[in-house]
Amino acid sequence: MLLHPLLLIFSNSLGAASPTKNIVKRVDLPADISAWSAFGDSYASGLGAGTLVTEKDSIYSGSYPQQMNNNDPRIGNAASRKFQDLAHSGSNTGEVIAGAQSNDISASELVTVQIGT
């Protein structure tokens, strides 16, 4: 069984996520990630932050996964990466976990799970 790195990001009591704070497990990331899957609820979808990217799941351009995918130089060039933003506004924790189990993420070098409080 191939294990993939997992970076868990949780919101703090003020509802603000940070890539350097509140990290449960920090892993060394490859310089150029070719495949990434992001899961979460409305917190991960960035409900109302920026412009609407995906209407079905209410994913917004200002969400943490969208910003990290498009702007974070630590993970390489977004144009060459397969990015699955599988966040869904309105999901509860069980639904987020079920979504992670039902989607093919076997090629992902990075999997993030982000759930608000």
Protein backbone atom coordinates (compact mmCIF):
# COMPACT_ATOMS: atom_id res chain seq x y z
CA MET A 1 0.00 0.00 0.00
CA LEU A 2 1.39 3.37 -1.03
CA LEU A 3 1.06 6.07 1.60
CA HIS A 4 0.57 9.67 0.61
CA PRO A 5 1.53 12.72 2.64
CA LEU A 6 -1.32 14.31 4.49
CA LEU A 7 -1.41 17.90 5.65
CA LEU A 8 -4.30 18.62 7.99
CA ILE A 9 -5.33 22.22 8.48
CA PHE A 10 -7.90 23.20 11.08
CA SER A 11 -9.42 26.57 11.84
CA ASN A 12 -8.64 28.25 15.11
CA SER A 13 -11.29 29.61 17.45
CA LEU A 14 -11.52 32.80 15.38
CA GLY A 15 -12.21 30.86 12.19
CA ALA A 16 -8.90 31.75 10.53
CA ALA A 17 -6.73 29.08 8.93
CA SER A 18 -3.02 29.42 8.49
CA PRO A 19 -0.56 27.27 6.57
CA THR A 20 1.95 27.67 9.42
CA LYS A 21 -0.33 27.56 12.49
CA ASN A 22 -2.75 24.87 13.59
CA ILE A 23 -1.07 22.15 11.55
CA VAL A 24 -1.63 18.74 13.03
CA LYS A 25 1.05 17.05 10.94
CA ARG A 26 3.62 18.88 8.86
CA VAL A 27 5.32 17.01 6.04
CA ASP A 28 8.12 17.92 3.67
CA LEU A 29 6.46 18.61 0.34
CA PRO A 30 8.06 17.81 -3.01
CA ALA A 31 9.22 20.92 -4.86
CA ASP A 32 6.72 20.35 -7.67
CA ILE A 33 3.51 18.54 -6.76
CA SER A 34 1.90 17.03 -9.85
CA ALA A 35 -1.40 15.95 -8.23
CA TRP A 36 -3.29 17.30 -5.24
CA SER A 37 -6.72 16.58 -3.77
CA ALA A 38 -8.40 18.97 -1.32
CA PHE A 39 -11.39 17.94 0.82
CA GLY A 40 -13.52 19.87 3.27
CA ASP A 41 -16.75 21.62 4.11
CA SER A 42 -17.85 25.23 3.53
CA TYR A 43 -14.72 26.41 5.33
CA ALA A 44 -12.56 24.70 2.68
CA SER A 45 -14.80 25.86 -0.15
CA GLY A 46 -14.26 29.48 0.92
CA LEU A 47 -17.96 30.30 0.94
CA GLY A 48 -18.27 33.93 -0.20
CA ALA A 49 -14.52 34.58 -0.49
CA GLY A 50 -13.69 35.91 -3.96
CA THR A 51 -15.46 34.80 -7.10
CA LEU A 52 -17.46 31.62 -7.58
CA VAL A 53 -15.34 28.87 -9.18
CA THR A 54 -17.74 25.91 -8.97
CA GLU A 55 -21.43 26.57 -8.39
CA LYS A 56 -22.38 22.96 -7.57
CA ASP A 57 -20.10 22.80 -4.51
CA SER A 58 -19.95 26.56 -3.84
CA ILE A 59 -16.17 26.72 -4.25
CA TYR A 60 -14.76 30.25 -4.29
CA SER A 61 -11.46 31.64 -5.58
CA GLY A 62 -10.53 32.92 -2.11
CA SER A 63 -10.66 29.51 -0.45
CA TYR A 64 -7.43 28.25 1.08
CA PRO A 65 -7.04 25.33 -1.38
CA GLN A 66 -7.64 27.60 -4.41
CA GLN A 67 -5.18 30.21 -3.12
CA MET A 68 -2.55 27.61 -2.27
CA ASN A 69 -2.94 25.86 -5.63
CA ASN A 70 -2.63 29.08 -7.63
CA ASN A 71 -0.20 31.13 -5.55
CA ASP A 72 2.00 29.00 -3.30
CA PRO A 73 5.50 28.65 -4.79
CA ARG A 74 6.35 25.84 -2.34
CA ILE A 75 4.29 23.35 -4.35
CA GLY A 76 5.36 24.29 -7.87
CA ASN A 77 3.54 25.39 -11.01
CA ALA A 78 -0.27 25.18 -10.90
CA ALA A 79 -0.50 24.88 -14.70
CA SER A 80 1.25 21.50 -14.64
CA ARG A 81 -0.63 20.11 -11.62
CA LYS A 82 -3.82 18.01 -11.50
CA PHE A 83 -5.86 19.70 -8.78
CA GLN A 84 -9.07 18.17 -7.45
CA ASP A 85 -10.93 20.65 -5.25
CA LEU A 86 -13.42 18.27 -3.69
CA ALA A 87 -14.66 20.59 -0.95
CA HIS A 88 -18.41 20.85 -0.62
CA SER A 89 -20.27 23.61 1.19
CA GLY A 90 -22.79 22.12 3.60
CA SER A 91 -20.92 18.87 4.23
CA ASN A 92 -20.58 17.55 7.75
CA THR A 93 -17.45 15.73 8.95
CA GLY A 94 -18.83 12.29 8.03
CA GLU A 95 -19.65 13.46 4.51
CA VAL A 96 -16.15 14.92 4.07
CA ILE A 97 -14.61 11.60 5.12
CA ALA A 98 -17.00 9.66 2.84
CA GLY A 99 -16.02 11.96 -0.05
CA ALA A 100 -12.36 11.26 0.59
CA GLN A 101 -13.05 7.53 0.54
CA SER A 102 -15.21 7.56 -2.58
CA ASN A 103 -12.92 9.62 -4.86
CA ASP A 104 -9.86 8.26 -6.61
CA ILE A 105 -6.96 10.08 -5.01
CA SER A 106 -4.38 7.36 -5.64
CA ALA A 107 -2.27 9.64 -7.85
CA SER A 108 -2.30 12.52 -5.35
CA GLU A 109 1.02 13.48 -3.84
CA LEU A 110 -0.77 15.82 -1.44
CA VAL A 111 -4.17 15.42 0.21
CA THR A 112 -5.57 18.16 2.44
CA VAL A 113 -8.59 18.03 4.70
CA GLN A 114 -9.97 21.31 6.02
CA ILE A 115 -13.03 21.49 8.25
CA GLY A 116 -14.24 24.62 10.03
CA THR A 117 -15.49 24.85 13.57
